[in-house]
């Protein structure tokens, strides 16, 4: 899916959202500010893109892992619905349930970036488990040209979509997409945290 800000393709998914209850808890106990580099609007409001003081980081991550007042692994259907159905790529009617398996968590070190003094990125990776019918729907998409989505090989993902050996050296795939590659699964933490396949009724 193309990122709405950069235009680069990335996996289906995005930032977790938290509830008003959680916002109040964080304000009272940990303190946070919204990321000033991402415009806060109705779409990005209550996204986990936050400024946290370094001294509160461990407490924040502990809270993130245990709070029920945010989107959780038990139901990740919102982003799937928005990016696959609301975009018009597929019809939700007749699609069936959404099933997926938790693969683990990718967490970066605390690094300095061009936008922030220091940043840590956390991503929970899941693998969608398609029924034969659902798989056939996606296979049909491969045969169609569309700027709404891109099916990419591992090689293309690692190259960030850059067409090596051509004059087109612009990256078309987001640089965090590599996290979904199976060869990177040994870098994921908590792979056995959720052992069962999770099924959500759409």
N, C-alpha and C. Protein backbone atom coordinates (compact mmCIF):
# COMPACT_ATOMS: atom_id res chain seq x y z
N UNK A 1 0.84 -1.19 0.00
CA UNK A 1 0.00 0.00 0.00
C UNK A 1 0.89 1.25 0.00
N UNK A 2 0.55 2.30 -0.80
CA UNK A 2 1.35 3.51 -0.76
C UNK A 2 1.08 4.33 0.50
N UNK A 3 2.13 4.79 1.13
CA UNK A 3 1.99 5.66 2.29
C UNK A 3 1.36 6.98 1.84
N UNK A 4 0.41 7.47 2.60
CA UNK A 4 -0.32 8.68 2.19
C UNK A 4 0.56 9.92 2.17
N UNK A 5 1.69 9.90 2.89
CA UNK A 5 2.55 11.07 2.94
C UNK A 5 3.75 10.96 2.00
N UNK A 6 4.37 9.78 1.96
CA UNK A 6 5.59 9.63 1.15
C UNK A 6 5.30 9.05 -0.22
N UNK A 7 4.18 8.34 -0.37
CA UNK A 7 3.88 7.68 -1.64
C UNK A 7 4.60 6.36 -1.82
N UNK A 8 5.46 5.99 -0.87
CA UNK A 8 6.20 4.73 -0.98
C UNK A 8 5.33 3.57 -0.50
N UNK A 9 5.51 2.43 -1.15
CA UNK A 9 4.72 1.25 -0.79
C UNK A 9 5.23 0.63 0.51
N UNK A 10 4.30 0.14 1.29
CA UNK A 10 4.62 -0.48 2.58
C UNK A 10 3.57 -1.53 2.88
N UNK A 11 3.82 -2.42 3.85
CA UNK A 11 2.83 -3.45 4.17
C UNK A 11 1.53 -2.84 4.71
N UNK A 12 0.45 -3.59 4.58
CA UNK A 12 -0.81 -3.17 5.19
C UNK A 12 -0.59 -3.03 6.69
N UNK A 13 -1.05 -1.95 7.26
CA UNK A 13 -0.86 -1.73 8.69
C UNK A 13 -0.51 -0.28 8.95
N UNK A 14 -0.20 0.01 10.18
CA UNK A 14 0.14 1.38 10.54
C UNK A 14 0.27 1.52 12.04
N UNK A 15 0.13 2.74 12.50
CA UNK A 15 0.29 3.01 13.93
C UNK A 15 -0.90 2.49 14.72
N UNK A 16 -0.60 1.89 15.87
CA UNK A 16 -1.67 1.54 16.81
C UNK A 16 -2.37 2.82 17.27
N UNK A 17 -3.64 2.70 17.62
CA UNK A 17 -4.37 3.82 18.20
C UNK A 17 -4.71 3.52 19.66
N UNK A 18 -4.77 4.57 20.48
CA UNK A 18 -5.13 4.41 21.88
C UNK A 18 -6.43 5.17 22.16
N UNK A 19 -7.09 4.78 23.23
CA UNK A 19 -8.39 5.36 23.58
C UNK A 19 -8.22 6.63 24.40
N UNK A 20 -9.33 7.32 24.63
CA UNK A 20 -9.32 8.52 25.47
C UNK A 20 -8.90 8.17 26.89
N UNK A 21 -9.32 7.00 27.36
CA UNK A 21 -8.93 6.54 28.70
C UNK A 21 -7.42 6.43 28.80
N UNK A 22 -6.81 5.86 27.76
CA UNK A 22 -5.35 5.70 27.77
C UNK A 22 -4.65 7.04 27.64
N UNK A 23 -5.21 7.94 26.85
CA UNK A 23 -4.62 9.27 26.72
C UNK A 23 -4.58 9.97 28.07
N UNK A 24 -5.66 9.85 28.83
CA UNK A 24 -5.71 10.46 30.16
C UNK A 24 -4.68 9.83 31.10
N UNK A 25 -4.56 8.50 31.02
CA UNK A 25 -3.58 7.81 31.88
C UNK A 25 -2.16 8.27 31.55
N UNK A 26 -1.83 8.32 30.27
CA UNK A 26 -0.48 8.72 29.87
C UNK A 26 -0.20 10.16 30.29
N UNK A 27 -1.17 11.03 30.13
CA UNK A 27 -0.99 12.43 30.52
C UNK A 27 -0.75 12.57 32.02
N UNK A 28 -1.40 11.76 32.80
CA UNK A 28 -1.30 11.87 34.26
C UNK A 28 -0.09 11.14 34.83
N UNK A 29 0.38 10.10 34.15
CA UNK A 29 1.42 9.25 34.74
C UNK A 29 2.76 9.24 34.00
N UNK A 30 2.75 9.45 32.71
CA UNK A 30 4.00 9.36 31.96
C UNK A 30 4.33 10.67 31.24
N UNK A 31 3.33 11.37 30.79
CA UNK A 31 3.46 12.62 30.04
C UNK A 31 3.95 12.34 28.62
N UNK A 32 3.27 12.92 27.66
CA UNK A 32 3.66 12.75 26.27
C UNK A 32 3.24 13.97 25.47
N UNK A 33 3.84 14.11 24.31
CA UNK A 33 3.41 15.10 23.33
C UNK A 33 3.28 14.38 22.00
N UNK A 34 2.37 14.86 21.16
CA UNK A 34 2.25 14.27 19.83
C UNK A 34 3.47 14.64 18.98
N UNK A 35 3.81 13.75 18.07
CA UNK A 35 4.91 13.98 17.15
C UNK A 35 4.59 15.20 16.28
N UNK A 36 5.38 16.25 16.42
CA UNK A 36 5.10 17.49 15.71
C UNK A 36 5.38 17.39 14.21
N UNK A 37 6.05 16.32 13.78
CA UNK A 37 6.36 16.18 12.36
C UNK A 37 5.23 15.50 11.58
N UNK A 38 4.24 14.97 12.30
CA UNK A 38 3.06 14.38 11.67
C UNK A 38 1.86 15.23 12.07
N UNK A 39 1.17 15.79 11.09
CA UNK A 39 0.01 16.63 11.38
C UNK A 39 -1.04 15.82 12.12
N UNK A 40 -1.49 16.32 13.26
CA UNK A 40 -2.52 15.64 14.04
C UNK A 40 -3.89 16.07 13.51
N UNK A 41 -4.60 15.11 12.90
CA UNK A 41 -5.94 15.39 12.39
C UNK A 41 -6.86 14.23 12.80
N UNK A 42 -8.02 14.14 12.19
CA UNK A 42 -8.97 13.08 12.56
C UNK A 42 -8.42 11.69 12.25
N UNK A 43 -7.52 11.61 11.27
CA UNK A 43 -6.95 10.31 10.90
C UNK A 43 -5.82 9.92 11.85
N UNK A 44 -4.96 10.86 12.19
CA UNK A 44 -3.77 10.55 12.99
C UNK A 44 -3.98 10.75 14.49
N UNK A 45 -5.13 11.32 14.87
CA UNK A 45 -5.39 11.56 16.28
C UNK A 45 -5.34 10.26 17.07
N UNK A 46 -4.66 10.28 18.20
CA UNK A 46 -4.49 9.13 19.09
C UNK A 46 -3.68 8.00 18.44
N UNK A 47 -2.81 8.35 17.51
CA UNK A 47 -1.82 7.40 17.00
C UNK A 47 -0.67 7.32 18.00
N UNK A 48 -0.04 6.15 18.08
CA UNK A 48 1.16 6.01 18.91
C UNK A 48 2.38 6.55 18.15
N UNK A 49 2.35 7.86 17.90
CA UNK A 49 3.52 8.58 17.39
C UNK A 49 3.75 9.71 18.39
N UNK A 50 4.53 9.43 19.39
CA UNK A 50 4.58 10.30 20.55
C UNK A 50 6.00 10.65 20.96
N UNK A 51 6.14 11.81 21.58
CA UNK A 51 7.38 12.19 22.24
C UNK A 51 7.27 11.78 23.70
N UNK A 52 8.22 10.97 24.16
CA UNK A 52 8.29 10.52 25.55
C UNK A 52 9.68 10.85 26.09
N UNK A 53 9.76 11.33 27.30
CA UNK A 53 11.07 11.58 27.90
C UNK A 53 11.81 10.26 28.09
N UNK A 54 13.11 10.30 27.88
CA UNK A 54 13.92 9.09 27.96
C UNK A 54 13.77 8.38 29.31
N UNK A 55 13.66 9.14 30.38
CA UNK A 55 13.55 8.54 31.71
C UNK A 55 12.24 7.76 31.89
N UNK A 56 11.25 8.05 31.04
CA UNK A 56 9.95 7.38 31.13
C UNK A 56 9.76 6.29 30.09
N UNK A 57 10.78 6.04 29.28
CA UNK A 57 10.61 5.14 28.13
C UNK A 57 10.28 3.71 28.55
N UNK A 58 11.02 3.17 29.52
CA UNK A 58 10.76 1.79 29.95
C UNK A 58 9.36 1.65 30.54
N UNK A 59 8.97 2.63 31.32
CA UNK A 59 7.63 2.60 31.92
C UNK A 59 6.57 2.67 30.82
N UNK A 60 6.83 3.49 29.80
CA UNK A 60 5.88 3.62 28.70
C UNK A 60 5.72 2.29 27.95
N UNK A 61 6.82 1.61 27.67
CA UNK A 61 6.75 0.34 26.94
C UNK A 61 6.04 -0.72 27.77
N UNK A 62 6.31 -0.74 29.08
CA UNK A 62 5.59 -1.69 29.96
C UNK A 62 4.09 -1.42 29.92
N UNK A 63 3.74 -0.15 29.98
CA UNK A 63 2.33 0.22 29.93
C UNK A 63 1.73 -0.15 28.57
N UNK A 64 2.46 0.11 27.50
CA UNK A 64 2.00 -0.22 26.15
C UNK A 64 1.67 -1.70 26.04
N UNK A 65 2.48 -2.54 26.64
CA UNK A 65 2.30 -3.99 26.52
C UNK A 65 1.11 -4.51 27.33
N UNK A 66 0.77 -3.83 28.41
CA UNK A 66 -0.27 -4.41 29.28
C UNK A 66 -1.63 -3.71 29.20
N UNK A 67 -1.68 -2.49 28.65
CA UNK A 67 -2.95 -1.77 28.68
C UNK A 67 -3.99 -2.38 27.74
N UNK A 68 -5.23 -2.47 28.19
CA UNK A 68 -6.32 -2.91 27.32
C UNK A 68 -6.93 -1.74 26.55
N UNK A 69 -6.45 -0.54 26.85
CA UNK A 69 -7.07 0.66 26.29
C UNK A 69 -6.39 1.15 25.02
N UNK A 70 -6.05 0.22 24.17
CA UNK A 70 -5.48 0.53 22.86
C UNK A 70 -5.81 -0.62 21.92
N UNK A 71 -5.53 -0.41 20.63
CA UNK A 71 -5.65 -1.51 19.68
C UNK A 71 -4.66 -2.59 20.08
N UNK A 72 -5.10 -3.83 19.99
CA UNK A 72 -4.25 -4.94 20.40
C UNK A 72 -4.23 -6.03 19.33
N UNK A 73 -3.33 -6.98 19.52
CA UNK A 73 -3.18 -8.10 18.59
C UNK A 73 -4.50 -8.85 18.41
N UNK A 74 -5.34 -8.82 19.41
CA UNK A 74 -6.60 -9.57 19.34
C UNK A 74 -7.54 -9.08 18.25
N UNK A 75 -7.33 -7.85 17.77
CA UNK A 75 -8.16 -7.33 16.68
C UNK A 75 -7.40 -6.25 15.91
N UNK A 76 -6.81 -6.65 14.78
CA UNK A 76 -6.07 -5.72 13.93
C UNK A 76 -6.84 -5.44 12.64
N UNK A 77 -8.14 -5.53 12.69
CA UNK A 77 -8.94 -5.44 11.47
C UNK A 77 -9.09 -4.02 10.93
N UNK A 78 -8.93 -3.00 11.78
CA UNK A 78 -9.19 -1.62 11.33
C UNK A 78 -8.35 -1.24 10.12
N UNK A 79 -7.04 -1.43 10.22
CA UNK A 79 -6.16 -1.06 9.12
C UNK A 79 -6.45 -1.90 7.87
N UNK A 80 -6.74 -3.18 8.07
CA UNK A 80 -7.04 -4.06 6.93
C UNK A 80 -8.29 -3.56 6.21
N UNK A 81 -9.31 -3.22 6.97
CA UNK A 81 -10.55 -2.71 6.37
C UNK A 81 -10.30 -1.41 5.61
N UNK A 82 -9.56 -0.50 6.25
CA UNK A 82 -9.31 0.81 5.64
C UNK A 82 -8.51 0.68 4.35
N UNK A 83 -7.47 -0.14 4.37
CA UNK A 83 -6.54 -0.18 3.26
C UNK A 83 -6.94 -1.15 2.15
N UNK A 84 -7.68 -2.18 2.49
CA UNK A 84 -8.09 -3.15 1.48
C UNK A 84 -9.52 -2.92 1.00
N UNK A 85 -10.42 -2.64 1.91
CA UNK A 85 -11.84 -2.50 1.53
C UNK A 85 -12.23 -1.05 1.23
N UNK A 86 -11.93 -0.14 2.15
CA UNK A 86 -12.33 1.26 1.96
C UNK A 86 -11.65 1.88 0.74
N UNK A 87 -10.47 1.38 0.40
CA UNK A 87 -9.74 1.88 -0.77
C UNK A 87 -10.31 1.36 -2.08
N UNK A 88 -11.18 0.35 -1.99
CA UNK A 88 -11.77 -0.21 -3.19
C UNK A 88 -10.97 -1.32 -3.84
N UNK A 89 -9.90 -1.78 -3.18
CA UNK A 89 -9.09 -2.85 -3.75
C UNK A 89 -9.89 -4.15 -3.80
N UNK A 90 -10.55 -4.49 -2.71
CA UNK A 90 -11.41 -5.67 -2.65
C UNK A 90 -12.74 -5.29 -2.01
N UNK A 91 -13.74 -6.11 -2.25
CA UNK A 91 -15.07 -5.91 -1.68
C UNK A 91 -15.17 -6.67 -0.36
N UNK A 92 -15.55 -5.98 0.69
CA UNK A 92 -15.67 -6.63 2.00
C UNK A 92 -16.79 -7.67 2.01
N UNK A 93 -17.82 -7.43 1.22
CA UNK A 93 -18.95 -8.35 1.16
C UNK A 93 -18.50 -9.71 0.65
N UNK A 94 -18.68 -10.72 1.46
CA UNK A 94 -18.32 -12.08 1.06
C UNK A 94 -16.87 -12.45 1.28
N UNK A 95 -16.06 -11.51 1.79
CA UNK A 95 -14.63 -11.82 1.99
C UNK A 95 -14.44 -12.86 3.07
N UNK A 96 -15.26 -12.79 4.11
CA UNK A 96 -15.13 -13.74 5.22
C UNK A 96 -14.33 -13.16 6.36
N UNK A 97 -13.96 -13.99 7.30
CA UNK A 97 -13.21 -13.55 8.47
C UNK A 97 -11.76 -13.25 8.12
N UNK A 98 -11.13 -12.46 8.98
CA UNK A 98 -9.70 -12.17 8.85
C UNK A 98 -8.94 -13.00 9.87
N UNK A 99 -8.01 -13.83 9.40
CA UNK A 99 -7.19 -14.66 10.30
C UNK A 99 -5.72 -14.32 10.11
N UNK A 100 -4.97 -14.33 11.21
CA UNK A 100 -3.55 -14.03 11.13
C UNK A 100 -2.82 -14.65 12.31
N UNK A 101 -1.52 -14.81 12.13
CA UNK A 101 -0.65 -15.41 13.15
C UNK A 101 0.39 -14.38 13.56
N UNK A 102 0.58 -14.23 14.86
CA UNK A 102 1.58 -13.30 15.37
C UNK A 102 2.97 -13.86 15.12
N UNK A 103 3.84 -13.06 14.50
CA UNK A 103 5.20 -13.50 14.18
C UNK A 103 6.23 -12.99 15.17
N UNK A 104 5.94 -11.86 15.81
CA UNK A 104 6.89 -11.30 16.77
C UNK A 104 6.98 -9.78 16.62
N UNK A 105 7.85 -9.20 17.43
CA UNK A 105 8.00 -7.75 17.46
C UNK A 105 9.40 -7.33 17.02
N UNK A 106 9.43 -6.36 16.14
CA UNK A 106 10.69 -5.75 15.73
C UNK A 106 10.83 -4.41 16.46
N UNK A 107 11.92 -4.25 17.17
CA UNK A 107 12.15 -3.00 17.89
C UNK A 107 13.56 -2.51 17.59
N UNK A 108 13.66 -1.27 17.18
CA UNK A 108 14.96 -0.70 16.87
C UNK A 108 15.68 -0.28 18.15
N UNK A 109 16.96 -0.03 18.02
CA UNK A 109 17.68 0.63 19.10
C UNK A 109 17.26 2.09 19.12
N UNK A 110 17.63 2.79 20.15
CA UNK A 110 17.37 4.23 20.18
C UNK A 110 18.38 4.89 19.26
N UNK A 111 17.88 5.48 18.18
CA UNK A 111 18.77 6.04 17.17
C UNK A 111 18.45 7.51 16.93
N UNK A 112 19.46 8.24 16.45
CA UNK A 112 19.26 9.63 16.07
C UNK A 112 18.80 9.67 14.62
N UNK A 113 17.79 10.47 14.33
CA UNK A 113 17.27 10.56 12.97
C UNK A 113 17.25 12.01 12.51
N UNK A 114 16.91 12.21 11.24
CA UNK A 114 16.89 13.58 10.70
C UNK A 114 15.71 14.37 11.26
N UNK A 115 14.67 13.69 11.70
CA UNK A 115 13.47 14.38 12.17
C UNK A 115 13.43 14.57 13.68
N UNK A 116 13.98 13.61 14.41
CA UNK A 116 13.87 13.64 15.87
C UNK A 116 15.25 13.58 16.49
N UNK A 117 15.38 14.13 17.71
CA UNK A 117 16.67 13.97 18.41
C UNK A 117 17.02 12.50 18.56
N UNK A 118 16.08 11.71 19.07
CA UNK A 118 16.27 10.26 19.20
C UNK A 118 14.92 9.58 19.00
N UNK A 119 14.97 8.38 18.45
CA UNK A 119 13.72 7.71 18.09
C UNK A 119 13.85 6.21 18.30
N UNK A 120 12.76 5.58 18.72
CA UNK A 120 12.69 4.13 18.80
C UNK A 120 11.42 3.70 18.06
N UNK A 121 11.55 2.70 17.21
CA UNK A 121 10.43 2.23 16.40
C UNK A 121 10.07 0.81 16.81
N UNK A 122 8.80 0.59 17.04
CA UNK A 122 8.30 -0.72 17.46
C UNK A 122 7.26 -1.18 16.45
N UNK A 123 7.41 -2.42 15.98
CA UNK A 123 6.45 -2.95 15.00
C UNK A 123 6.11 -4.40 15.34
N UNK A 124 4.83 -4.68 15.53
CA UNK A 124 4.37 -6.06 15.69
C UNK A 124 4.06 -6.61 14.31
N UNK A 125 4.65 -7.76 13.99
CA UNK A 125 4.52 -8.36 12.67
C UNK A 125 3.55 -9.53 12.73
N UNK A 126 2.58 -9.57 11.82
CA UNK A 126 1.66 -10.69 11.74
C UNK A 126 1.65 -11.22 10.31
N UNK A 127 1.33 -12.50 10.18
CA UNK A 127 1.20 -13.14 8.87
C UNK A 127 -0.27 -13.47 8.64
N UNK A 128 -0.84 -12.93 7.58
CA UNK A 128 -2.25 -13.19 7.27
C UNK A 128 -2.40 -14.63 6.81
N UNK A 129 -3.40 -15.32 7.33
CA UNK A 129 -3.71 -16.69 6.93
C UNK A 129 -4.98 -16.65 6.07
N UNK A 130 -4.80 -16.74 4.78
CA UNK A 130 -5.91 -16.63 3.84
C UNK A 130 -6.57 -17.98 3.59
N UNK A 131 -7.87 -17.95 3.40
CA UNK A 131 -8.57 -19.14 2.93
C UNK A 131 -8.27 -19.29 1.44
N UNK A 132 -8.51 -20.47 0.86
CA UNK A 132 -8.29 -20.63 -0.59
C UNK A 132 -9.04 -19.58 -1.41
N UNK A 133 -10.27 -19.26 -1.00
CA UNK A 133 -11.04 -18.26 -1.73
C UNK A 133 -10.39 -16.88 -1.62
N UNK A 134 -9.98 -16.50 -0.40
CA UNK A 134 -9.34 -15.20 -0.21
C UNK A 134 -8.04 -15.11 -0.99
N UNK A 135 -7.30 -16.20 -1.02
CA UNK A 135 -6.05 -16.23 -1.77
C UNK A 135 -6.31 -16.02 -3.25
N UNK A 136 -7.39 -16.59 -3.76
CA UNK A 136 -7.72 -16.42 -5.18
C UNK A 136 -8.03 -14.96 -5.51
N UNK A 137 -8.65 -14.25 -4.55
CA UNK A 137 -8.95 -12.83 -4.77
C UNK A 137 -7.67 -12.02 -4.93
N UNK A 138 -6.68 -12.30 -4.09
CA UNK A 138 -5.42 -11.56 -4.17
C UNK A 138 -4.63 -11.95 -5.41
N UNK A 139 -4.71 -13.20 -5.82
CA UNK A 139 -4.00 -13.64 -7.02
C UNK A 139 -4.53 -12.91 -8.26
N UNK A 140 -5.82 -12.64 -8.27
CA UNK A 140 -6.40 -11.89 -9.39
C UNK A 140 -5.83 -10.48 -9.45
N UNK A 141 -5.54 -9.92 -8.28
CA UNK A 141 -5.00 -8.56 -8.24
C UNK A 141 -3.61 -8.49 -8.86
N UNK A 142 -2.85 -9.58 -8.75
CA UNK A 142 -1.50 -9.60 -9.32
C UNK A 142 -1.55 -9.36 -10.82
N UNK A 143 -2.61 -9.82 -11.46
CA UNK A 143 -2.74 -9.72 -12.91
C UNK A 143 -3.22 -8.34 -13.36
N UNK A 144 -3.54 -7.47 -12.42
CA UNK A 144 -4.06 -6.14 -12.75
C UNK A 144 -3.04 -5.07 -12.40
N UNK A 145 -2.98 -4.03 -13.21
CA UNK A 145 -2.11 -2.89 -12.91
C UNK A 145 -2.88 -1.88 -12.06
N UNK A 146 -2.28 -1.45 -10.97
CA UNK A 146 -2.92 -0.47 -10.10
C UNK A 146 -1.86 0.26 -9.30
N UNK A 147 -2.10 1.54 -9.06
CA UNK A 147 -1.19 2.30 -8.19
C UNK A 147 -1.64 2.24 -6.74
N UNK A 148 -2.72 1.49 -6.47
CA UNK A 148 -3.21 1.35 -5.10
C UNK A 148 -2.42 0.31 -4.31
N UNK A 149 -1.73 -0.58 -4.98
CA UNK A 149 -1.00 -1.65 -4.30
C UNK A 149 0.16 -2.12 -5.15
N UNK A 150 1.04 -2.89 -4.52
CA UNK A 150 2.19 -3.45 -5.22
C UNK A 150 2.54 -4.79 -4.59
N UNK A 151 2.68 -5.81 -5.42
CA UNK A 151 3.18 -7.10 -4.96
C UNK A 151 4.68 -7.11 -5.25
N UNK A 152 5.48 -7.27 -4.21
CA UNK A 152 6.94 -7.15 -4.37
C UNK A 152 7.64 -8.42 -3.92
N UNK A 153 8.74 -8.74 -4.57
CA UNK A 153 9.58 -9.87 -4.17
C UNK A 153 10.48 -9.44 -3.02
N UNK A 154 11.09 -10.41 -2.36
CA UNK A 154 12.02 -10.10 -1.27
C UNK A 154 13.18 -9.26 -1.79
N UNK A 155 13.63 -9.56 -3.00
CA UNK A 155 14.74 -8.81 -3.59
C UNK A 155 14.35 -7.35 -3.81
N UNK A 156 13.14 -7.13 -4.30
CA UNK A 156 12.67 -5.76 -4.52
C UNK A 156 12.52 -5.01 -3.20
N UNK A 157 12.04 -5.71 -2.18
CA UNK A 157 11.86 -5.08 -0.87
C UNK A 157 13.20 -4.66 -0.29
N UNK A 158 14.19 -5.56 -0.39
CA UNK A 158 15.51 -5.24 0.16
C UNK A 158 16.17 -4.09 -0.59
N UNK A 159 15.84 -3.95 -1.88
CA UNK A 159 16.39 -2.85 -2.69
C UNK A 159 15.53 -1.60 -2.59
N UNK A 160 14.48 -1.66 -1.77
CA UNK A 160 13.54 -0.55 -1.58
C UNK A 160 12.90 -0.10 -2.90
N UNK A 161 12.77 -1.04 -3.83
CA UNK A 161 12.13 -0.73 -5.10
C UNK A 161 13.01 -0.02 -6.10
N UNK A 162 14.26 0.23 -5.73
CA UNK A 162 15.19 0.90 -6.66
C UNK A 162 15.51 -0.05 -7.81
N UNK A 163 15.40 0.43 -9.03
CA UNK A 163 15.66 -0.39 -10.21
C UNK A 163 17.13 -0.30 -10.57
N UNK A 164 17.89 -1.22 -9.98
CA UNK A 164 19.34 -1.22 -10.16
C UNK A 164 19.69 -1.42 -11.63
N UNK A 165 20.67 -0.68 -12.11
CA UNK A 165 21.09 -0.81 -13.50
C UNK A 165 20.30 0.04 -14.47
N UNK A 166 19.42 0.89 -13.93
CA UNK A 166 18.64 1.79 -14.77
C UNK A 166 18.89 3.23 -14.33
N UNK A 167 18.26 4.15 -15.04
CA UNK A 167 18.36 5.56 -14.65
C UNK A 167 17.36 5.92 -13.55
N UNK A 168 16.45 4.98 -13.26
CA UNK A 168 15.44 5.21 -12.23
C UNK A 168 15.94 4.67 -10.90
N UNK A 169 16.55 5.53 -10.12
CA UNK A 169 17.12 5.11 -8.84
C UNK A 169 16.33 5.66 -7.65
N UNK A 170 15.08 5.98 -7.88
CA UNK A 170 14.23 6.47 -6.80
C UNK A 170 13.63 5.29 -6.04
N UNK A 171 13.62 5.38 -4.72
CA UNK A 171 13.06 4.31 -3.89
C UNK A 171 11.54 4.39 -3.91
N UNK A 172 10.90 3.26 -4.20
CA UNK A 172 9.43 3.24 -4.24
C UNK A 172 8.83 2.40 -3.12
N UNK A 173 9.69 1.72 -2.34
CA UNK A 173 9.24 0.88 -1.23
C UNK A 173 9.84 1.42 0.07
N UNK A 174 9.02 1.59 1.08
CA UNK A 174 9.47 2.18 2.35
C UNK A 174 10.58 1.34 2.98
N UNK A 175 11.52 2.03 3.63
CA UNK A 175 12.71 1.35 4.15
C UNK A 175 12.45 0.47 5.37
N UNK A 176 11.24 0.50 5.93
CA UNK A 176 10.93 -0.38 7.06
C UNK A 176 10.23 -1.66 6.62
N UNK A 177 9.96 -1.80 5.33
CA UNK A 177 9.20 -2.94 4.82
C UNK A 177 9.95 -4.26 5.00
N UNK A 178 11.27 -4.21 5.05
CA UNK A 178 12.08 -5.42 5.20
C UNK A 178 11.71 -6.23 6.44
N UNK A 179 11.09 -5.58 7.41
CA UNK A 179 10.77 -6.26 8.67
C UNK A 179 9.82 -7.43 8.48
N UNK A 180 9.06 -7.46 7.39
CA UNK A 180 8.09 -8.54 7.18
C UNK A 180 8.71 -9.77 6.53
N UNK A 181 9.95 -9.67 6.06
CA UNK A 181 10.58 -10.79 5.36
C UNK A 181 10.84 -11.94 6.32
N UNK A 182 10.55 -13.16 5.88
CA UNK A 182 10.70 -14.33 6.75
C UNK A 182 12.15 -14.53 7.16
N UNK A 183 13.09 -14.11 6.32
CA UNK A 183 14.51 -14.27 6.66
C UNK A 183 14.92 -13.35 7.80
N UNK A 184 14.07 -12.40 8.15
CA UNK A 184 14.35 -11.50 9.27
C UNK A 184 13.63 -11.93 10.55
N UNK A 185 12.95 -13.08 10.50
CA UNK A 185 12.14 -13.51 11.65
C UNK A 185 12.96 -13.78 12.89
N UNK A 186 14.25 -14.11 12.72
CA UNK A 186 15.09 -14.36 13.89
C UNK A 186 15.38 -13.07 14.67
N UNK A 187 15.08 -11.93 14.05
CA UNK A 187 15.28 -10.64 14.72
C UNK A 187 14.07 -10.23 15.55
N UNK A 188 12.98 -10.99 15.41
CA UNK A 188 11.75 -10.63 16.11
C UNK A 188 11.74 -11.17 17.53
N UNK A 189 11.19 -10.38 18.44
CA UNK A 189 11.10 -10.77 19.84
C UNK A 189 9.69 -11.26 20.15
N UNK A 190 9.60 -12.12 21.16
CA UNK A 190 8.28 -12.58 21.63
C UNK A 190 7.52 -13.40 20.62
N UNK A 191 8.24 -14.18 19.82
CA UNK A 191 7.58 -14.94 18.75
C UNK A 191 6.58 -15.96 19.27
N UNK A 192 6.75 -16.40 20.51
CA UNK A 192 5.85 -17.42 21.06
C UNK A 192 4.80 -16.83 22.00
N UNK A 193 4.70 -15.51 22.00
CA UNK A 193 3.76 -14.85 22.91
C UNK A 193 2.32 -15.21 22.58
N UNK A 194 2.00 -15.25 21.30
CA UNK A 194 0.65 -15.63 20.85
C UNK A 194 0.80 -16.82 19.92
N UNK A 195 0.50 -18.00 20.41
CA UNK A 195 0.75 -19.22 19.65
C UNK A 195 -0.38 -19.58 18.69
N UNK A 196 -1.59 -19.20 19.02
CA UNK A 196 -2.74 -19.59 18.21
C UNK A 196 -3.02 -18.59 17.09
N UNK A 197 -3.61 -19.08 16.03
CA UNK A 197 -4.08 -18.20 14.96
C UNK A 197 -5.25 -17.37 15.49
N UNK A 198 -5.22 -16.08 15.21
CA UNK A 198 -6.26 -15.16 15.67
C UNK A 198 -7.25 -14.92 14.53
N UNK A 199 -8.53 -15.05 14.80
CA UNK A 199 -9.56 -14.83 13.79
C UNK A 199 -10.51 -13.73 14.24
N UNK A 200 -10.72 -12.76 13.34
CA UNK A 200 -11.58 -11.61 13.62
C UNK A 200 -12.73 -11.60 12.62
N UNK A 201 -13.92 -11.44 13.11
CA UNK A 201 -15.09 -11.34 12.24
C UNK A 201 -15.17 -9.93 11.67
N UNK A 202 -15.24 -9.83 10.36
CA UNK A 202 -15.26 -8.52 9.70
C UNK A 202 -16.71 -8.03 9.51
